[in-house]
Amino acid sequence: MSTEHKISIPIPKGVTLSLKGSNLSAKGPLGQVTRKFPAAAIDLKVSGSTAEIDLSLPPRRKNVAILDTWEKHIINMMLGVTKGFVAKAKMVSAHFPMKVYEKDGFVVIENFLGEKYPRRSPLLGTTKVEVAGEELFFSGIDLESVGQSVANMEKTTHIRNYDPRVFQDGIYITEKAHPKE
């Protein structure tokens, strides 16, 4: 008693989707993003100007949720290669002035709380960071990479064993990853 659910996703102009095995690639004006979709119960087809996702499982809540999640992943891939994603973070330094810059795929934070050695946070995928005063702008074409890069940055400057009401130094997310306008 398995009924199929289908979702058709329109492909915008300038975006090319290609399917190789279980890997889906979206190529657009800003670059290319590849993502693996491993599932035997879900069939992904790209034809012309639409992408179709077929679910060959009973229409239960969990199964439909998986289908909806995959739809959002594909939409985010297409948004990334056409518009890109951006996230914002803010530096807060009450005690010691921090110096933040990008070097070799890492964001380097010097003089955090007066520490001798710099802290480093990795930039995932093709994510880039731009430092403008106290603001940090993370941008890229992969939503997960941009979001995880800014989260890693916040985690890198997390303070332990100090009173957080007094030591509020750190880098904090002010805007989560969202499509550029």
C-alpha atoms as a PDB file:
ATOM      1  CA  MET A   1       0.000   0.000   0.000  1.00  0.00           C
ATOM      2  CA  SER A   2       2.620   2.508  -0.958  1.00  0.00           C
ATOM      3  CA  THR A   3       1.399   5.616  -2.675  1.00  0.00           C
ATOM      4  CA  GLU A   4       3.746   8.064  -4.271  1.00  0.00           C
ATOM      5  CA  HIS A   5       4.148  11.714  -3.455  1.00  0.00           C
ATOM      6  CA  LYS A   6       5.706  14.025  -5.991  1.00  0.00           C
ATOM      7  CA  ILE A   7       7.047  17.518  -5.620  1.00  0.00           C
ATOM      8  CA  SER A   8       8.043  19.552  -8.662  1.00  0.00           C
ATOM      9  CA  ILE A   9      10.523  22.374  -8.153  1.00  0.00           C
ATOM     10  CA  PRO A  10      10.899  24.972 -10.922  1.00  0.00           C
ATOM     11  CA  ILE A  11      14.499  25.662 -11.919  1.00  0.00           C
ATOM     12  CA  PRO A  12      15.203  29.400 -12.369  1.00  0.00           C
ATOM     13  CA  LYS A  13      16.884  30.764 -15.495  1.00  0.00           C
ATOM     14  CA  GLY A  14      20.656  30.643 -15.368  1.00  0.00           C
ATOM     15  CA  VAL A  15      20.727  27.575 -13.095  1.00  0.00           C
ATOM     16  CA  THR A  16      21.664  24.113 -14.316  1.00  0.00           C
ATOM     17  CA  LEU A  17      20.976  21.037 -12.191  1.00  0.00           C
ATOM     18  CA  SER A  18      22.814  17.810 -12.933  1.00  0.00           C
ATOM     19  CA  LEU A  19      22.424  14.471 -11.241  1.00  0.00           C
ATOM     20  CA  LYS A  20      25.286  11.980 -11.033  1.00  0.00           C
ATOM     21  CA  GLY A  21      24.363   8.928  -8.973  1.00  0.00           C
ATOM     22  CA  SER A  22      23.023  10.354  -5.721  1.00  0.00           C
ATOM     23  CA  ASN A  23      24.934  13.658  -6.042  1.00  0.00           C
ATOM     24  CA  LEU A  24      23.010  16.720  -7.192  1.00  0.00           C
ATOM     25  CA  SER A  25      24.968  19.693  -8.534  1.00  0.00           C
ATOM     26  CA  ALA A  26      23.568  23.175  -9.018  1.00  0.00           C
ATOM     27  CA  LYS A  27      25.565  25.475 -11.269  1.00  0.00           C
ATOM     28  CA  GLY A  28      24.790  29.154 -11.645  1.00  0.00           C
ATOM     29  CA  PRO A  29      26.332  32.578 -12.126  1.00  0.00           C
ATOM     30  CA  LEU A  30      28.010  32.568  -8.679  1.00  0.00           C
ATOM     31  CA  GLY A  31      29.475  29.058  -8.807  1.00  0.00           C
ATOM     32  CA  GLN A  32      28.613  25.431  -8.221  1.00  0.00           C
ATOM     33  CA  VAL A  33      27.235  23.589  -5.179  1.00  0.00           C
ATOM     34  CA  THR A  34      27.097  19.793  -4.887  1.00  0.00           C
ATOM     35  CA  ARG A  35      25.124  17.847  -2.327  1.00  0.00           C
ATOM     36  CA  LYS A  36      24.614  14.132  -1.757  1.00  0.00           C
ATOM     37  CA  PHE A  37      21.040  12.864  -1.441  1.00  0.00           C
ATOM     38  CA  PRO A  38      21.399   9.242  -0.276  1.00  0.00           C
ATOM     39  CA  ALA A  39      18.074   7.466   0.030  1.00  0.00           C
ATOM     40  CA  ALA A  40      16.602   4.472  -1.710  1.00  0.00           C
ATOM     41  CA  ALA A  41      12.997   5.564  -1.098  1.00  0.00           C
ATOM     42  CA  ILE A  42      13.401   8.957  -2.753  1.00  0.00           C
ATOM     43  CA  ASP A  43      13.966   9.331  -6.469  1.00  0.00           C
ATOM     44  CA  LEU A  44      15.338  12.607  -7.797  1.00  0.00           C
ATOM     45  CA  LYS A  45      14.855  13.501 -11.469  1.00  0.00           C
ATOM     46  CA  VAL A  46      15.984  16.579 -13.359  1.00  0.00           C
ATOM     47  CA  SER A  47      14.268  17.248 -16.667  1.00  0.00           C
ATOM     48  CA  GLY A  48      14.108  20.522 -18.551  1.00  0.00           C
ATOM     49  CA  SER A  49      13.101  23.398 -16.311  1.00  0.00           C
ATOM     50  CA  THR A  50      11.864  21.334 -13.346  1.00  0.00           C
ATOM     51  CA  ALA A  51      13.319  19.033 -10.752  1.00  0.00           C
ATOM     52  CA  GLU A  52      11.039  16.283  -9.435  1.00  0.00           C
ATOM     53  CA  ILE A  53      11.300  14.452  -6.149  1.00  0.00           C
ATOM     54  CA  ASP A  54       9.330  11.197  -5.924  1.00  0.00           C
ATOM     55  CA  LEU A  55       8.725   9.503  -2.585  1.00  0.00           C
ATOM     56  CA  SER A  56       7.837   5.818  -2.807  1.00  0.00           C
ATOM     57  CA  LEU A  57       6.834   5.363   0.825  1.00  0.00           C
ATOM     58  CA  PRO A  58       3.475   5.497   2.592  1.00  0.00           C
ATOM     59  CA  PRO A  59       2.354   9.089   3.229  1.00  0.00           C
ATOM     60  CA  ARG A  60       3.288   9.198   6.904  1.00  0.00           C
ATOM     61  CA  ARG A  61       4.333  12.344   8.716  1.00  0.00           C
ATOM     62  CA  LYS A  62       8.042  11.426   8.872  1.00  0.00           C
ATOM     63  CA  ASN A  63       8.206  10.460   5.215  1.00  0.00           C
ATOM     64  CA  VAL A  64       6.525  13.646   4.037  1.00  0.00           C
ATOM     65  CA  ALA A  65       8.848  15.664   6.313  1.00  0.00           C
ATOM     66  CA  ILE A  66      11.890  14.093   4.611  1.00  0.00           C
ATOM     67  CA  LEU A  67      10.448  15.006   1.220  1.00  0.00           C
ATOM     68  CA  ASP A  68       9.849  18.608   2.317  1.00  0.00           C
ATOM     69  CA  THR A  69      13.390  18.829   3.738  1.00  0.00           C
ATOM     70  CA  TRP A  70      14.905  17.697   0.458  1.00  0.00           C
ATOM     71  CA  GLU A  71      12.783  20.235  -1.400  1.00  0.00           C
ATOM     72  CA  LYS A  72      14.177  23.029   0.798  1.00  0.00           C
ATOM     73  CA  HIS A  73      17.753  21.778   0.293  1.00  0.00           C
ATOM     74  CA  ILE A  74      17.341  21.944  -3.489  1.00  0.00           C
ATOM     75  CA  ILE A  75      15.742  25.409  -3.315  1.00  0.00           C
ATOM     76  CA  ASN A  76      18.612  26.615  -1.093  1.00  0.00           C
ATOM     77  CA  MET A  77      21.163  25.229  -3.560  1.00  0.00           C
ATOM     78  CA  MET A  78      19.517  27.162  -6.398  1.00  0.00           C
ATOM     79  CA  LEU A  79      19.275  30.333  -4.270  1.00  0.00           C
ATOM     80  CA  GLY A  80      22.951  30.031  -3.374  1.00  0.00           C
ATOM     81  CA  VAL A  81      24.211  29.877  -6.949  1.00  0.00           C
ATOM     82  CA  THR A  82      21.998  32.800  -8.040  1.00  0.00           C
ATOM     83  CA  LYS A  83      21.974  35.192  -5.054  1.00  0.00           C
ATOM     84  CA  GLY A  84      24.354  33.784  -2.430  1.00  0.00           C
ATOM     85  CA  PHE A  85      23.986  33.813   1.355  1.00  0.00           C
ATOM     86  CA  VAL A  86      25.200  36.217   4.014  1.00  0.00           C
ATOM     87  CA  ALA A  87      25.397  36.116   7.817  1.00  0.00           C
ATOM     88  CA  LYS A  88      26.469  38.862  10.226  1.00  0.00           C
ATOM     89  CA  ALA A  89      28.339  38.746  13.511  1.00  0.00           C
ATOM     90  CA  LYS A  90      29.488  41.463  15.882  1.00  0.00           C
ATOM     91  CA  MET A  91      32.707  41.731  17.898  1.00  0.00           C
ATOM     92  CA  VAL A  92      32.286  42.773  21.506  1.00  0.00           C
ATOM     93  CA  SER A  93      35.486  43.631  23.372  1.00  0.00           C
ATOM     94  CA  ALA A  94      35.186  45.468  26.655  1.00  0.00           C
ATOM     95  CA  HIS A  95      38.539  44.481  28.182  1.00  0.00           C
ATOM     96  CA  PHE A  96      41.086  43.964  25.399  1.00  0.00           C
ATOM     97  CA  PRO A  97      40.831  45.145  21.779  1.00  0.00           C
ATOM     98  CA  MET A  98      40.609  42.197  19.388  1.00  0.00           C
ATOM     99  CA  LYS A  99      42.191  41.988  15.980  1.00  0.00           C
ATOM    100  CA  VAL A 100      40.252  39.775  13.542  1.00  0.00           C
ATOM    101  CA  TYR A 101      41.295  38.833  10.002  1.00  0.00           C
ATOM    102  CA  GLU A 102      41.093  36.000   7.465  1.00  0.00           C
ATOM    103  CA  LYS A 103      44.164  33.871   6.722  1.00  0.00           C
ATOM    104  CA  ASP A 104      44.507  30.547   4.867  1.00  0.00           C
ATOM    105  CA  GLY A 105      40.843  29.504   5.203  1.00  0.00           C
ATOM    106  CA  PHE A 106      40.634  30.470   8.877  1.00  0.00           C
ATOM    107  CA  VAL A 107      39.405  33.502  10.768  1.00  0.00           C
ATOM    108  CA  VAL A 108      42.155  34.488  13.194  1.00  0.00           C
ATOM    109  CA  ILE A 109      41.339  36.336  16.439  1.00  0.00           C
ATOM    110  CA  GLU A 110      44.316  37.956  18.125  1.00  0.00           C
ATOM    111  CA  ASN A 111      44.479  39.421  21.645  1.00  0.00           C
ATOM    112  CA  PHE A 112      41.164  37.871  22.720  1.00  0.00           C
ATOM    113  CA  LEU A 113      40.978  38.546  26.484  1.00  0.00           C
ATOM    114  CA  GLY A 114      44.694  39.396  26.333  1.00  0.00           C
ATOM    115  CA  GLU A 115      45.689  35.865  25.330  1.00  0.00           C
ATOM    116  CA  LYS A 116      49.180  35.341  23.886  1.00  0.00           C
ATOM    117  CA  TYR A 117      48.191  32.887  21.184  1.00  0.00           C
ATOM    118  CA  PRO A 118      45.559  33.638  18.553  1.00  0.00           C
ATOM    119  CA  ARG A 119      42.344  31.649  18.304  1.00  0.00           C
ATOM    120  CA  ARG A 120      41.392  30.251  14.896  1.00  0.00           C
ATOM    121  CA  SER A 121      38.017  29.353  13.465  1.00  0.00           C
ATOM    122  CA  PRO A 122      37.726  27.437  10.158  1.00  0.00           C
ATOM    123  CA  LEU A 123      35.818  28.802   7.171  1.00  0.00           C
ATOM    124  CA  LEU A 124      33.933  25.947   5.537  1.00  0.00           C
ATOM    125  CA  GLY A 125      33.544  25.477   1.801  1.00  0.00           C
ATOM    126  CA  THR A 126      33.851  28.671  -0.213  1.00  0.00           C
ATOM    127  CA  THR A 127      32.790  30.943   2.647  1.00  0.00           C
ATOM    128  CA  LYS A 128      34.503  34.325   2.793  1.00  0.00           C
ATOM    129  CA  VAL A 129      34.593  36.793   5.684  1.00  0.00           C
ATOM    130  CA  GLU A 130      34.823  40.570   5.527  1.00  0.00           C
ATOM    131  CA  VAL A 131      35.686  42.579   8.629  1.00  0.00           C
ATOM    132  CA  ALA A 132      34.232  46.096   8.749  1.00  0.00           C
ATOM    133  CA  GLY A 133      34.905  47.715  12.104  1.00  0.00           C
ATOM    134  CA  GLU A 134      33.076  45.654  14.706  1.00  0.00           C
ATOM    135  CA  GLU A 135      30.949  43.850  12.103  1.00  0.00           C
ATOM    136  CA  LEU A 136      31.887  40.573  10.406  1.00  0.00           C
ATOM    137  CA  PHE A 137      30.110  39.578   7.201  1.00  0.00           C
ATOM    138  CA  PHE A 138      30.245  35.898   6.213  1.00  0.00           C
ATOM    139  CA  SER A 139      29.209  35.203   2.615  1.00  0.00           C
ATOM    140  CA  GLY A 140      29.131  32.226   0.290  1.00  0.00           C
ATOM    141  CA  ILE A 141      26.983  30.095  -2.001  1.00  0.00           C
ATOM    142  CA  ASP A 142      26.346  27.158   0.359  1.00  0.00           C
ATOM    143  CA  LEU A 143      23.860  27.902   3.149  1.00  0.00           C
ATOM    144  CA  GLU A 144      25.150  25.182   5.478  1.00  0.00           C
ATOM    145  CA  SER A 145      28.785  26.276   5.078  1.00  0.00           C
ATOM    146  CA  VAL A 146      28.020  29.943   5.754  1.00  0.00           C
ATOM    147  CA  GLY A 147      25.835  29.139   8.768  1.00  0.00           C
ATOM    148  CA  GLN A 148      28.311  26.666  10.251  1.00  0.00           C
ATOM    149  CA  SER A 149      31.266  29.023   9.699  1.00  0.00           C
ATOM    150  CA  VAL A 150      29.605  31.830  11.654  1.00  0.00           C
ATOM    151  CA  ALA A 151      28.533  29.351  14.366  1.00  0.00           C
ATOM    152  CA  ASN A 152      32.121  28.064  14.640  1.00  0.00           C
ATOM    153  CA  MET A 153      33.284  31.661  15.052  1.00  0.00           C
ATOM    154  CA  GLU A 154      30.857  32.253  17.897  1.00  0.00           C
ATOM    155  CA  LYS A 155      31.882  28.977  19.555  1.00  0.00           C
ATOM    156  CA  THR A 156      35.598  29.817  19.213  1.00  0.00           C
ATOM    157  CA  THR A 157      35.160  32.951  21.330  1.00  0.00           C
ATOM    158  CA  HIS A 158      32.942  31.341  23.966  1.00  0.00           C
ATOM    159  CA  ILE A 159      34.279  32.171  27.442  1.00  0.00           C
ATOM    160  CA  ARG A 160      34.357  29.557  30.188  1.00  0.00           C
ATOM    161  CA  ASN A 161      35.108  29.960  33.906  1.00  0.00           C
ATOM    162  CA  TYR A 162      34.382  33.700  33.908  1.00  0.00           C
ATOM    163  CA  ASP A 163      31.253  35.530  34.984  1.00  0.00           C
ATOM    164  CA  PRO A 164      29.342  36.191  31.717  1.00  0.00           C
ATOM    165  CA  ARG A 165      27.735  39.296  33.217  1.00  0.00           C
ATOM    166  CA  VAL A 166      31.162  40.914  33.553  1.00  0.00           C
ATOM    167  CA  PHE A 167      33.130  39.319  30.685  1.00  0.00           C
ATOM    168  CA  GLN A 168      30.892  39.819  27.673  1.00  0.00           C
ATOM    169  CA  ASP A 169      33.780  39.746  25.205  1.00  0.00           C
ATOM    170  CA  GLY A 170      33.329  37.576  22.138  1.00  0.00           C
ATOM    171  CA  ILE A 171      31.924  37.424  18.642  1.00  0.00           C
ATOM    172  CA  TYR A 172      28.165  36.955  18.494  1.00  0.00           C
ATOM    173  CA  ILE A 173      25.804  36.155  15.635  1.00  0.00           C
ATOM    174  CA  THR A 174      23.536  39.120  14.903  1.00  0.00           C
ATOM    175  CA  GLU A 175      21.921  37.811  11.691  1.00  0.00           C
ATOM    176  CA  LYS A 176      21.691  34.154  10.735  1.00  0.00           C
ATOM    177  CA  ALA A 177      22.541  33.039   7.202  1.00  0.00           C
ATOM    178  CA  HIS A 178      19.953  34.256   4.700  1.00  0.00           C
ATOM    179  CA  PRO A 179      19.850  35.006   0.955  1.00  0.00           C
ATOM    180  CA  LYS A 180      21.498  38.245  -0.153  1.00  0.00           C
ATOM    181  CA  GLU A 181      19.123  40.961  -1.254  1.00  0.00           C
END
